[in-house]
Amino acid sequence: MQYSHPFGLAAGMDKRAEALRGWESIGLAFSEIGGVTMLEQSGNPKPRMFRHGGDRALVNRMGFNNPGSEKIVQQLRRSGPRSIPVWANLGKSKLTPIDEAKIDYSTTMNRLWPFVDVFVINVSSPNTPGLRDLQHGDHLKGILNACIEVNQTNSERENVPSKPLLIKVAPDLTIEQLEAVVDEALACEIDGIVATNTTLERPNQSSKIYLEQGGCSGSPLKNQSTEMIRHIYSYTDGKLPIVGVGGIMNAEDAWEKILAGATLLQAYAGFVFEGPGLTKSIVHGLHNKLKHSEFETIADAVGSSHRS
């Protein structure tokens, strides 16, 4: 797939696929809706989102609140044609047992398939009990195989290419666990890795915000995310595309992730603290970075810190 620039919207901002025209209008190269689950669910009790303005950090325990895949399809159908690719983040319904997770993911994917350009399998949110266990072993393999089958079936029926399929991983995996996920992705010929989801770690215990349960995102996640990107790129010798997300607040943060190995970038907390002007500042900032570098294109810069 071709993108006008590397910067897009991360999952979690447009859970109901309501603002697709808006993401186009602020200049993003792509947007990601969801997380979308097979069943409609209200999510965790409020309050469930907390902000630390000084650290430019968020802590959330939203719990995949969304109208469910059937209603999301209706919304996507109403939205009409789009000028940028739309991705969908697939999660597991809270009521679905872990052993039936593959049914949940593949059902949602099948329903959304005609309306979405890229699918992201989210097995790394900390806010659905047991979800992160799906990153390991037979659970992950079962989910991937079920979604690959849906992809192939729809592709053959519509006589069009299959859709890219990515896995979103947690930043709290050990190196061994991360490499096991990457090995499974390579074995199943998955198209890429999204690194990373929110973290259970906290920068300190002195702020009451950091004592709240949930995943932490924003600036405190930046280095953890970048290091994971760097390791995935090195481990795969750059053969598996990486989408970098976590703590991108400016063009410097974005450039750092590209040099570490990210092909595309996403932001969530950055928009909360910097507003919609973040897109312009990052895209123009990357253009200036490129102009003053030895690289001709962004693609040339991807993973270059490994070669210097």
C-alpha atoms as a PDB file:
ATOM      1  CA  MET A   1       0.000   0.000   0.000  1.00  0.00           C
ATOM      2  CA  GLN A   2       1.101   3.542  -0.733  1.00  0.00           C
ATOM      3  CA  TYR A   3       0.751   6.400   1.782  1.00  0.00           C
ATOM      4  CA  SER A   4       1.193  10.108   1.122  1.00  0.00           C
ATOM      5  CA  HIS A   5       3.300  10.362   4.304  1.00  0.00           C
ATOM      6  CA  PRO A   6       3.958   8.074   7.310  1.00  0.00           C
ATOM      7  CA  PHE A   7       1.655   9.652   9.927  1.00  0.00           C
ATOM      8  CA  GLY A   8      -1.789   8.325  10.899  1.00  0.00           C
ATOM      9  CA  LEU A   9      -4.279   8.064  13.741  1.00  0.00           C
ATOM     10  CA  ALA A  10      -3.928   5.305  16.340  1.00  0.00           C
ATOM     11  CA  ALA A  11      -6.830   3.172  17.524  1.00  0.00           C
ATOM     12  CA  GLY A  12      -8.935   4.323  20.458  1.00  0.00           C
ATOM     13  CA  MET A  13      -9.732   7.859  19.292  1.00  0.00           C
ATOM     14  CA  ASP A  14     -12.544   6.975  16.861  1.00  0.00           C
ATOM     15  CA  LYS A  15     -14.099   3.935  18.476  1.00  0.00           C
ATOM     16  CA  ARG A  16     -17.409   4.298  16.610  1.00  0.00           C
ATOM     17  CA  ALA A  17     -16.013   5.203  13.146  1.00  0.00           C
ATOM     18  CA  GLU A  18     -17.832   8.536  13.395  1.00  0.00           C
ATOM     19  CA  ALA A  19     -15.127  10.995  12.312  1.00  0.00           C
ATOM     20  CA  LEU A  20     -13.639   9.510   9.140  1.00  0.00           C
ATOM     21  CA  ARG A  21     -14.077  12.774   7.202  1.00  0.00           C
ATOM     22  CA  GLY A  22     -12.421  14.663  10.025  1.00  0.00           C
ATOM     23  CA  TRP A  23      -9.226  12.606   9.945  1.00  0.00           C
ATOM     24  CA  GLU A  24      -8.947  13.250   6.218  1.00  0.00           C
ATOM     25  CA  SER A  25      -9.436  16.986   6.729  1.00  0.00           C
ATOM     26  CA  ILE A  26      -6.543  17.392   9.182  1.00  0.00           C
ATOM     27  CA  GLY A  27      -4.137  15.802   6.723  1.00  0.00           C
ATOM     28  CA  LEU A  28      -3.565  12.334   8.134  1.00  0.00           C
ATOM     29  CA  ALA A  29      -2.321   9.620   5.764  1.00  0.00           C
ATOM     30  CA  PHE A  30      -4.592   6.968   7.326  1.00  0.00           C
ATOM     31  CA  SER A  31      -6.870   6.456  10.318  1.00  0.00           C
ATOM     32  CA  GLU A  32      -7.610   3.472  12.545  1.00  0.00           C
ATOM     33  CA  ILE A  33     -11.058   2.859  14.009  1.00  0.00           C
ATOM     34  CA  GLY A  34     -11.905   0.811  17.067  1.00  0.00           C
ATOM     35  CA  GLY A  35     -11.117  -1.312  18.950  1.00  0.00           C
ATOM     36  CA  VAL A  36     -14.089  -3.141  17.474  1.00  0.00           C
ATOM     37  CA  THR A  37     -15.423  -6.296  19.101  1.00  0.00           C
ATOM     38  CA  MET A  38     -17.897  -8.858  17.828  1.00  0.00           C
ATOM     39  CA  LEU A  39     -20.427  -7.867  20.510  1.00  0.00           C
ATOM     40  CA  GLU A  40     -21.545  -4.419  21.588  1.00  0.00           C
ATOM     41  CA  GLN A  41     -20.171  -3.485  25.000  1.00  0.00           C
ATOM     42  CA  SER A  42     -20.210  -0.439  27.247  1.00  0.00           C
ATOM     43  CA  GLY A  43     -16.668  -0.847  28.563  1.00  0.00           C
ATOM     44  CA  ASN A  44     -15.448  -0.364  32.120  1.00  0.00           C
ATOM     45  CA  PRO A  45     -17.209   1.902  34.660  1.00  0.00           C
ATOM     46  CA  LYS A  46     -16.383   5.609  34.538  1.00  0.00           C
ATOM     47  CA  PRO A  47     -14.144   7.392  35.315  1.00  0.00           C
ATOM     48  CA  ARG A  48     -11.817   5.391  33.079  1.00  0.00           C
ATOM     49  CA  MET A  49      -9.495   7.965  31.461  1.00  0.00           C
ATOM     50  CA  PHE A  50      -6.996  10.045  33.437  1.00  0.00           C
ATOM     51  CA  ARG A  51      -4.643  12.803  32.303  1.00  0.00           C
ATOM     52  CA  HIS A  52      -1.283  14.008  33.613  1.00  0.00           C
ATOM     53  CA  GLY A  53      -0.729  17.305  31.830  1.00  0.00           C
ATOM     54  CA  GLY A  54       2.777  17.904  33.154  1.00  0.00           C
ATOM     55  CA  ASP A  55       4.051  14.569  31.867  1.00  0.00           C
ATOM     56  CA  ARG A  56       1.774  14.612  28.796  1.00  0.00           C
ATOM     57  CA  ALA A  57       0.598  11.171  29.840  1.00  0.00           C
ATOM     58  CA  LEU A  58      -2.705   9.323  29.858  1.00  0.00           C
ATOM     59  CA  VAL A  59      -3.857   6.343  31.909  1.00  0.00           C
ATOM     60  CA  ASN A  60      -6.937   4.573  30.579  1.00  0.00           C
ATOM     61  CA  ARG A  61      -9.001   1.512  31.345  1.00  0.00           C
ATOM     62  CA  MET A  62     -11.681   2.024  28.698  1.00  0.00           C
ATOM     63  CA  GLY A  63     -12.332  -1.705  28.190  1.00  0.00           C
ATOM     64  CA  PHE A  64     -13.098  -1.785  24.440  1.00  0.00           C
ATOM     65  CA  ASN A  65     -16.266   0.309  24.712  1.00  0.00           C
ATOM     66  CA  ASN A  66     -17.811   0.193  21.224  1.00  0.00           C
ATOM     67  CA  PRO A  67     -21.167  -0.445  19.502  1.00  0.00           C
ATOM     68  CA  GLY A  68     -20.087  -3.852  18.188  1.00  0.00           C
ATOM     69  CA  SER A  69     -19.128  -4.987  14.716  1.00  0.00           C
ATOM     70  CA  GLU A  70     -22.649  -5.054  13.241  1.00  0.00           C
ATOM     71  CA  LYS A  71     -23.323  -1.406  14.069  1.00  0.00           C
ATOM     72  CA  ILE A  72     -19.829  -0.377  12.979  1.00  0.00           C
ATOM     73  CA  VAL A  73     -20.579  -1.912   9.565  1.00  0.00           C
ATOM     74  CA  GLN A  74     -23.690   0.253   9.309  1.00  0.00           C
ATOM     75  CA  GLN A  75     -21.637   3.343  10.155  1.00  0.00           C
ATOM     76  CA  LEU A  76     -18.947   2.479   7.600  1.00  0.00           C
ATOM     77  CA  ARG A  77     -21.594   1.882   4.953  1.00  0.00           C
ATOM     78  CA  ARG A  78     -23.077   5.344   5.631  1.00  0.00           C
ATOM     79  CA  SER A  79     -19.676   7.034   5.497  1.00  0.00           C
ATOM     80  CA  GLY A  80     -19.272   6.415   1.767  1.00  0.00           C
ATOM     81  CA  PRO A  81     -15.988   6.571  -0.178  1.00  0.00           C
ATOM     82  CA  ARG A  82     -12.841   7.792   1.571  1.00  0.00           C
ATOM     83  CA  SER A  83      -9.688   9.466   0.299  1.00  0.00           C
ATOM     84  CA  ILE A  84      -7.308   7.806   2.804  1.00  0.00           C
ATOM     85  CA  PRO A  85      -7.005   4.171   3.944  1.00  0.00           C
ATOM     86  CA  VAL A  86      -9.072   3.148   6.963  1.00  0.00           C
ATOM     87  CA  TRP A  87      -7.692   0.541   9.345  1.00  0.00           C
ATOM     88  CA  ALA A  88      -9.719  -1.419  11.899  1.00  0.00           C
ATOM     89  CA  ASN A  89      -8.462  -2.508  15.306  1.00  0.00           C
ATOM     90  CA  LEU A  90      -9.964  -5.879  16.251  1.00  0.00           C
ATOM     91  CA  GLY A  91     -10.465  -6.767  19.918  1.00  0.00           C
ATOM     92  CA  LYS A  92     -12.113  -9.586  21.856  1.00  0.00           C
ATOM     93  CA  SER A  93     -15.533  -9.151  23.444  1.00  0.00           C
ATOM     94  CA  LYS A  94     -15.368  -9.359  27.232  1.00  0.00           C
ATOM     95  CA  LEU A  95     -18.124 -12.012  27.300  1.00  0.00           C
ATOM     96  CA  THR A  96     -16.299 -14.278  24.841  1.00  0.00           C
ATOM     97  CA  PRO A  97     -14.258 -17.031  26.548  1.00  0.00           C
ATOM     98  CA  ILE A  98     -10.539 -17.054  25.776  1.00  0.00           C
ATOM     99  CA  ASP A  99     -10.900 -20.436  24.034  1.00  0.00           C
ATOM    100  CA  GLU A 100     -13.411 -18.894  21.596  1.00  0.00           C
ATOM    101  CA  ALA A 101     -11.373 -15.762  20.901  1.00  0.00           C
ATOM    102  CA  LYS A 102     -10.592 -16.796  17.329  1.00  0.00           C
ATOM    103  CA  ILE A 103     -14.339 -16.841  16.553  1.00  0.00           C
ATOM    104  CA  ASP A 104     -14.742 -13.341  17.972  1.00  0.00           C
ATOM    105  CA  TYR A 105     -11.848 -11.830  16.001  1.00  0.00           C
ATOM    106  CA  SER A 106     -12.624 -13.588  12.715  1.00  0.00           C
ATOM    107  CA  THR A 107     -16.359 -12.767  12.886  1.00  0.00           C
ATOM    108  CA  THR A 108     -15.615  -9.072  13.325  1.00  0.00           C
ATOM    109  CA  MET A 109     -13.084  -9.167  10.514  1.00  0.00           C
ATOM    110  CA  ASN A 110     -15.514 -10.908   8.188  1.00  0.00           C
ATOM    111  CA  ARG A 111     -18.210  -8.300   8.844  1.00  0.00           C
ATOM    112  CA  LEU A 112     -15.864  -5.339   8.354  1.00  0.00           C
ATOM    113  CA  TRP A 113     -13.868  -6.771   5.457  1.00  0.00           C
ATOM    114  CA  PRO A 114     -15.619  -4.966   2.548  1.00  0.00           C
ATOM    115  CA  PHE A 115     -15.248  -1.553   4.221  1.00  0.00           C
ATOM    116  CA  VAL A 116     -11.737  -1.616   5.720  1.00  0.00           C
ATOM    117  CA  ASP A 117      -8.291  -1.479   4.096  1.00  0.00           C
ATOM    118  CA  VAL A 118      -6.064  -2.877   6.878  1.00  0.00           C
ATOM    119  CA  PHE A 119      -6.825  -5.031   9.940  1.00  0.00           C
ATOM    120  CA  VAL A 120      -4.936  -4.891  13.240  1.00  0.00           C
ATOM    121  CA  ILE A 121      -5.309  -7.841  15.618  1.00  0.00           C
ATOM    122  CA  ASN A 122      -5.170  -6.341  19.098  1.00  0.00           C
ATOM    123  CA  VAL A 123      -4.135  -8.970  21.633  1.00  0.00           C
ATOM    124  CA  SER A 124      -2.330  -6.472  23.860  1.00  0.00           C
ATOM    125  CA  SER A 125      -4.833  -4.158  25.559  1.00  0.00           C
ATOM    126  CA  PRO A 126      -4.418  -4.401  29.350  1.00  0.00           C
ATOM    127  CA  ASN A 127      -8.080  -3.546  29.988  1.00  0.00           C
ATOM    128  CA  THR A 128      -9.857  -6.787  28.988  1.00  0.00           C
ATOM    129  CA  PRO A 129      -9.195  -9.618  31.465  1.00  0.00           C
ATOM    130  CA  GLY A 130      -6.959 -12.312  29.970  1.00  0.00           C
ATOM    131  CA  LEU A 131      -6.524 -10.536  26.620  1.00  0.00           C
ATOM    132  CA  ARG A 132      -2.754 -10.288  26.817  1.00  0.00           C
ATOM    133  CA  ASP A 133      -2.592 -14.060  27.300  1.00  0.00           C
ATOM    134  CA  LEU A 134      -3.629 -14.280  23.637  1.00  0.00           C
ATOM    135  CA  GLN A 135      -0.173 -13.052  22.614  1.00  0.00           C
ATOM    136  CA  HIS A 136       1.254 -16.460  23.421  1.00  0.00           C
ATOM    137  CA  GLY A 137       1.209 -19.994  22.038  1.00  0.00           C
ATOM    138  CA  ASP A 138      -1.748 -21.720  20.443  1.00  0.00           C
ATOM    139  CA  HIS A 139      -4.156 -18.870  21.216  1.00  0.00           C
ATOM    140  CA  LEU A 140      -2.303 -16.459  18.926  1.00  0.00           C
ATOM    141  CA  LYS A 141      -1.831 -19.068  16.215  1.00  0.00           C
ATOM    142  CA  GLY A 142      -5.549 -19.917  16.266  1.00  0.00           C
ATOM    143  CA  ILE A 143      -6.584 -16.271  15.968  1.00  0.00           C
ATOM    144  CA  LEU A 144      -4.142 -15.595  13.142  1.00  0.00           C
ATOM    145  CA  ASN A 145      -5.180 -18.679  11.178  1.00  0.00           C
ATOM    146  CA  ALA A 146      -8.899 -17.860  11.577  1.00  0.00           C
ATOM    147  CA  CYS A 147      -8.367 -14.282  10.378  1.00  0.00           C
ATOM    148  CA  ILE A 148      -6.134 -15.390   7.488  1.00  0.00           C
ATOM    149  CA  GLU A 149      -8.895 -17.775   6.370  1.00  0.00           C
ATOM    150  CA  VAL A 150     -11.473 -14.953   6.443  1.00  0.00           C
ATOM    151  CA  ASN A 151      -9.077 -12.769   4.476  1.00  0.00           C
ATOM    152  CA  GLN A 152      -8.504 -15.385   1.793  1.00  0.00           C
ATOM    153  CA  THR A 153     -12.176 -16.314   1.498  1.00  0.00           C
ATOM    154  CA  ASN A 154     -13.279 -12.706   1.009  1.00  0.00           C
ATOM    155  CA  SER A 155     -10.414 -12.014  -1.363  1.00  0.00           C
ATOM    156  CA  GLU A 156     -11.312 -14.965  -3.593  1.00  0.00           C
ATOM    157  CA  ARG A 157     -15.031 -14.212  -3.505  1.00  0.00           C
ATOM    158  CA  GLU A 158     -14.569 -10.552  -4.463  1.00  0.00           C
ATOM    159  CA  ASN A 159     -11.663 -11.311  -6.834  1.00  0.00           C
ATOM    160  CA  VAL A 160      -9.506  -8.614  -5.208  1.00  0.00           C
ATOM    161  CA  PRO A 161      -6.206  -8.758  -3.276  1.00  0.00           C
ATOM    162  CA  SER A 162      -6.299  -9.777   0.363  1.00  0.00           C
ATOM    163  CA  LYS A 163      -6.084  -7.055   3.014  1.00  0.00           C
ATOM    164  CA  PRO A 164      -2.923  -6.429   5.089  1.00  0.00           C
ATOM    165  CA  LEU A 165      -3.112  -8.064   8.513  1.00  0.00           C
ATOM    166  CA  LEU A 166      -1.048  -6.745  11.459  1.00  0.00           C
ATOM    167  CA  ILE A 167      -0.542  -7.700  15.126  1.00  0.00           C
ATOM    168  CA  LYS A 168      -0.471  -5.072  17.887  1.00  0.00           C
ATOM    169  CA  VAL A 169       1.848  -6.013  20.749  1.00  0.00           C
ATOM    170  CA  ALA A 170       2.261  -4.888  24.348  1.00  0.00           C
ATOM    171  CA  PRO A 171       5.392  -2.994  25.399  1.00  0.00           C
ATOM    172  CA  ASP A 172       5.619  -5.098  28.558  1.00  0.00           C
ATOM    173  CA  LEU A 173       6.564  -8.347  26.811  1.00  0.00           C
ATOM    174  CA  THR A 174       9.930  -9.849  27.662  1.00  0.00           C
ATOM    175  CA  ILE A 175      12.406 -10.116  24.798  1.00  0.00           C
ATOM    176  CA  GLU A 176      11.723 -13.860  24.615  1.00  0.00           C
ATOM    177  CA  GLN A 177       7.960 -13.307  24.475  1.00  0.00           C
ATOM    178  CA  LEU A 178       8.308 -10.608  21.831  1.00  0.00           C
ATOM    179  CA  GLU A 179      10.490 -12.800  19.644  1.00  0.00           C
ATOM    180  CA  ALA A 180       7.977 -15.649  19.973  1.00  0.00           C
ATOM    181  CA  VAL A 181       5.190 -13.334  18.712  1.00  0.00           C
ATOM    182  CA  VAL A 182       7.371 -12.153  15.831  1.00  0.00           C
ATOM    183  CA  ASP A 183       8.279 -15.754  14.954  1.00  0.00           C
ATOM    184  CA  GLU A 184       4.578 -16.640  14.804  1.00  0.00           C
ATOM    185  CA  ALA A 185       3.872 -13.576  12.659  1.00  0.00           C
ATOM    186  CA  LEU A 186       6.622 -14.541  10.231  1.00  0.00           C
ATOM    187  CA  ALA A 187       5.489 -18.171  10.131  1.00  0.00           C
ATOM    188  CA  CYS A 188       1.916 -17.102   9.302  1.00  0.00           C
ATOM    189  CA  GLU A 189       3.163 -14.466   6.846  1.00  0.00           C
ATOM    190  CA  ILE A 190       1.479 -11.650   8.757  1.00  0.00           C
ATOM    191  CA  ASP A 191       2.115  -8.285   7.100  1.00  0.00           C
ATOM    192  CA  GLY A 192       3.478  -6.302  10.031  1.00  0.00           C
ATOM    193  CA  ILE A 193       3.684  -5.433  13.717  1.00  0.00           C
ATOM    194  CA  VAL A 194       2.180  -2.444  15.518  1.00  0.00           C
ATOM    195  CA  ALA A 195       4.512  -1.486  18.374  1.00  0.00           C
ATOM    196  CA  THR A 196       3.169  -0.719  20.860  1.00  0.00           C
ATOM    197  CA  ASN A 197      -0.004  -0.697  22.920  1.00  0.00           C
ATOM    198  CA  THR A 198      -0.181   1.038  26.327  1.00  0.00           C
ATOM    199  CA  THR A 199       2.065  -0.029  29.192  1.00  0.00           C
ATOM    200  CA  LEU A 200       1.347  -1.262  32.713  1.00  0.00           C
ATOM    201  CA  GLU A 201       4.561   0.412  33.880  1.00  0.00           C
ATOM    202  CA  ARG A 202       4.514   3.891  35.470  1.00  0.00           C
ATOM    203  CA  PRO A 203       7.173   6.625  35.449  1.00  0.00           C
ATOM    204  CA  ASN A 204       6.621   7.157  39.212  1.00  0.00           C
ATOM    205  CA  GLN A 205       4.229   6.401  42.063  1.00  0.00           C
ATOM    206  CA  SER A 206       4.071   9.964  43.399  1.00  0.00           C
ATOM    207  CA  SER A 207       1.147  11.108  41.220  1.00  0.00           C
ATOM    208  CA  LYS A 208      -2.316   9.800  42.038  1.00  0.00           C
ATOM    209  CA  ILE A 209      -2.946   9.474  38.268  1.00  0.00           C
ATOM    210  CA  TYR A 210      -0.264   6.778  38.078  1.00  0.00           C
ATOM    211  CA  LEU A 211      -1.948   4.835  40.879  1.00  0.00           C
ATOM    212  CA  GLU A 212      -5.009   4.298  38.691  1.00  0.00           C
ATOM    213  CA  GLN A 213      -5.402   0.902  37.025  1.00  0.00           C
ATOM    214  CA  GLY A 214      -5.061   0.731  33.242  1.00  0.00           C
ATOM    215  CA  GLY A 215      -2.588   1.318  30.455  1.00  0.00           C
ATOM    216  CA  CYS A 216      -0.278   4.330  30.390  1.00  0.00           C
ATOM    217  CA  SER A 217       0.397   6.153  27.118  1.00  0.00           C
ATOM    218  CA  GLY A 218       1.920   9.431  25.992  1.00  0.00           C
ATOM    219  CA  SER A 219       5.452  10.691  26.636  1.00  0.00           C
ATOM    220  CA  PRO A 220       6.338   8.123  29.344  1.00  0.00           C
ATOM    221  CA  LEU A 221       5.818   5.352  26.766  1.00  0.00           C
ATOM    222  CA  LYS A 222       8.083   6.876  24.114  1.00  0.00           C
ATOM    223  CA  ASN A 223      11.410   5.211  24.909  1.00  0.00           C
ATOM    224  CA  GLN A 224       9.863   1.832  25.752  1.00  0.00           C
ATOM    225  CA  SER A 225       8.048   1.802  22.408  1.00  0.00           C
ATOM    226  CA  THR A 226      11.104   2.918  20.436  1.00  0.00           C
ATOM    227  CA  GLU A 227      13.298   0.228  21.999  1.00  0.00           C
ATOM    228  CA  MET A 228      10.761  -2.434  21.069  1.00  0.00           C
ATOM    229  CA  ILE A 229      10.673  -1.121  17.482  1.00  0.00           C
ATOM    230  CA  ARG A 230      14.455  -1.230  17.404  1.00  0.00           C
ATOM    231  CA  HIS A 231      14.541  -4.829  18.623  1.00  0.00           C
ATOM    232  CA  ILE A 232      11.887  -6.058  16.179  1.00  0.00           C
ATOM    233  CA  TYR A 233      13.714  -4.432  13.274  1.00  0.00           C
ATOM    234  CA  SER A 234      17.042  -5.937  14.333  1.00  0.00           C
ATOM    235  CA  TYR A 235      15.567  -9.378  15.042  1.00  0.00           C
ATOM    236  CA  THR A 236      13.856  -9.552  11.631  1.00  0.00           C
ATOM    237  CA  ASP A 237      16.646  -7.788   9.739  1.00  0.00           C
ATOM    238  CA  GLY A 238      14.068  -5.229   8.643  1.00  0.00           C
ATOM    239  CA  LYS A 239      11.932  -7.783   6.800  1.00  0.00           C
ATOM    240  CA  LEU A 240       8.739  -7.223   8.812  1.00  0.00           C
ATOM    241  CA  PRO A 241       7.124  -3.767   8.486  1.00  0.00           C
ATOM    242  CA  ILE A 242       6.666  -1.976  11.807  1.00  0.00           C
ATOM    243  CA  VAL A 243       4.074   0.657  12.710  1.00  0.00           C
ATOM    244  CA  GLY A 244       5.497   2.854  15.473  1.00  0.00           C
ATOM    245  CA  VAL A 245       3.137   4.222  18.120  1.00  0.00           C
ATOM    246  CA  GLY A 246       3.787   5.468  21.640  1.00  0.00           C
ATOM    247  CA  GLY A 247       4.746   8.930  22.846  1.00  0.00           C
ATOM    248  CA  ILE A 248       4.963  10.726  19.493  1.00  0.00           C
ATOM    249  CA  MET A 249       4.495  14.407  20.404  1.00  0.00           C
ATOM    250  CA  ASN A 250       6.588  16.128  17.733  1.00  0.00           C
ATOM    251  CA  ALA A 251       8.659  15.560  14.600  1.00  0.00           C
ATOM    252  CA  GLU A 252      11.750  14.667  16.650  1.00  0.00           C
ATOM    253  CA  ASP A 253       9.886  11.772  18.288  1.00  0.00           C
ATOM    254  CA  ALA A 254       8.552  10.652  14.906  1.00  0.00           C
ATOM    255  CA  TRP A 255      11.987  10.774  13.234  1.00  0.00           C
ATOM    256  CA  GLU A 256      13.517   8.764  16.091  1.00  0.00           C
ATOM    257  CA  LYS A 257      11.005   5.956  15.546  1.00  0.00           C
ATOM    258  CA  ILE A 258      11.636   5.942  11.792  1.00  0.00           C
ATOM    259  CA  LEU A 259      15.391   5.651  12.307  1.00  0.00           C
ATOM    260  CA  ALA A 260      14.743   2.805  14.782  1.00  0.00           C
ATOM    261  CA  GLY A 261      12.786   0.880  12.134  1.00  0.00           C
ATOM    262  CA  ALA A 262       9.193   2.152  11.887  1.00  0.00           C
ATOM    263  CA  THR A 263       7.738   2.423   8.385  1.00  0.00           C
ATOM    264  CA  LEU A 264       4.502   4.119   9.487  1.00  0.00           C
ATOM    265  CA  LEU A 265       3.616   6.100  12.621  1.00  0.00           C
ATOM    266  CA  GLN A 266       0.506   6.659  14.725  1.00  0.00           C
ATOM    267  CA  ALA A 267      -0.486   8.984  17.558  1.00  0.00           C
ATOM    268  CA  TYR A 268      -3.248   9.100  20.150  1.00  0.00           C
ATOM    269  CA  ALA A 269      -2.074  10.978  23.237  1.00  0.00           C
ATOM    270  CA  GLY A 270      -0.217  13.408  20.985  1.00  0.00           C
ATOM    271  CA  PHE A 271      -3.549  14.657  19.638  1.00  0.00           C
ATOM    272  CA  VAL A 272      -4.943  14.978  23.170  1.00  0.00           C
ATOM    273  CA  PHE A 273      -2.110  17.278  24.261  1.00  0.00           C
ATOM    274  CA  GLU A 274      -1.102  18.970  20.987  1.00  0.00           C
ATOM    275  CA  GLY A 275      -4.436  19.141  19.131  1.00  0.00           C
ATOM    276  CA  PRO A 276      -5.126  18.556  15.422  1.00  0.00           C
ATOM    277  CA  GLY A 277      -2.171  20.755  14.425  1.00  0.00           C
ATOM    278  CA  LEU A 278       0.065  17.833  15.396  1.00  0.00           C
ATOM    279  CA  THR A 279      -0.345  16.373  11.900  1.00  0.00           C
ATOM    280  CA  LYS A 280       0.996  19.469  10.154  1.00  0.00           C
ATOM    281  CA  SER A 281       3.890  19.930  12.584  1.00  0.00           C
ATOM    282  CA  ILE A 282       4.993  16.295  12.270  1.00  0.00           C
ATOM    283  CA  VAL A 283       4.614  16.004   8.481  1.00  0.00           C
ATOM    284  CA  HIS A 284       6.400  19.317   7.849  1.00  0.00           C
ATOM    285  CA  GLY A 285       8.980  18.458  10.504  1.00  0.00           C
ATOM    286  CA  LEU A 286       9.735  15.111   8.876  1.00  0.00           C
ATOM    287  CA  HIS A 287      10.072  16.860   5.511  1.00  0.00           C
ATOM    288  CA  ASN A 288      12.689  19.178   7.008  1.00  0.00           C
ATOM    289  CA  LYS A 289      14.466  16.282   8.695  1.00  0.00           C
ATOM    290  CA  LEU A 290      14.629  14.476   5.378  1.00  0.00           C
ATOM    291  CA  LYS A 291      15.858  17.578   3.526  1.00  0.00           C
ATOM    292  CA  HIS A 292      18.777  17.976   5.925  1.00  0.00           C
ATOM    293  CA  SER A 293      19.688  14.270   5.988  1.00  0.00           C
ATOM    294  CA  GLU A 294      21.615  12.035   3.603  1.00  0.00           C
ATOM    295  CA  PHE A 295      18.399  10.227   2.642  1.00  0.00           C
ATOM    296  CA  GLU A 296      16.292  10.850  -0.433  1.00  0.00           C
ATOM    297  CA  THR A 297      13.085   9.308   0.894  1.00  0.00           C
ATOM    298  CA  ILE A 298      11.528   8.326   4.215  1.00  0.00           C
ATOM    299  CA  ALA A 299      11.884   4.692   3.147  1.00  0.00           C
ATOM    300  CA  ASP A 300      15.659   5.175   2.936  1.00  0.00           C
ATOM    301  CA  ALA A 301      15.699   6.417   6.517  1.00  0.00           C
ATOM    302  CA  VAL A 302      13.730   3.504   8.001  1.00  0.00           C
ATOM    303  CA  GLY A 303      16.007   1.516  10.300  1.00  0.00           C
ATOM    304  CA  SER A 304      19.088   3.561   9.416  1.00  0.00           C
ATOM    305  CA  SER A 305      20.243   3.746  13.061  1.00  0.00           C
ATOM    306  CA  HIS A 306      21.036   0.018  12.731  1.00  0.00           C
ATOM    307  CA  ARG A 307      23.360   0.713   9.806  1.00  0.00           C
ATOM    308  CA  SER A 308      25.237   3.714  11.167  1.00  0.00           C
END
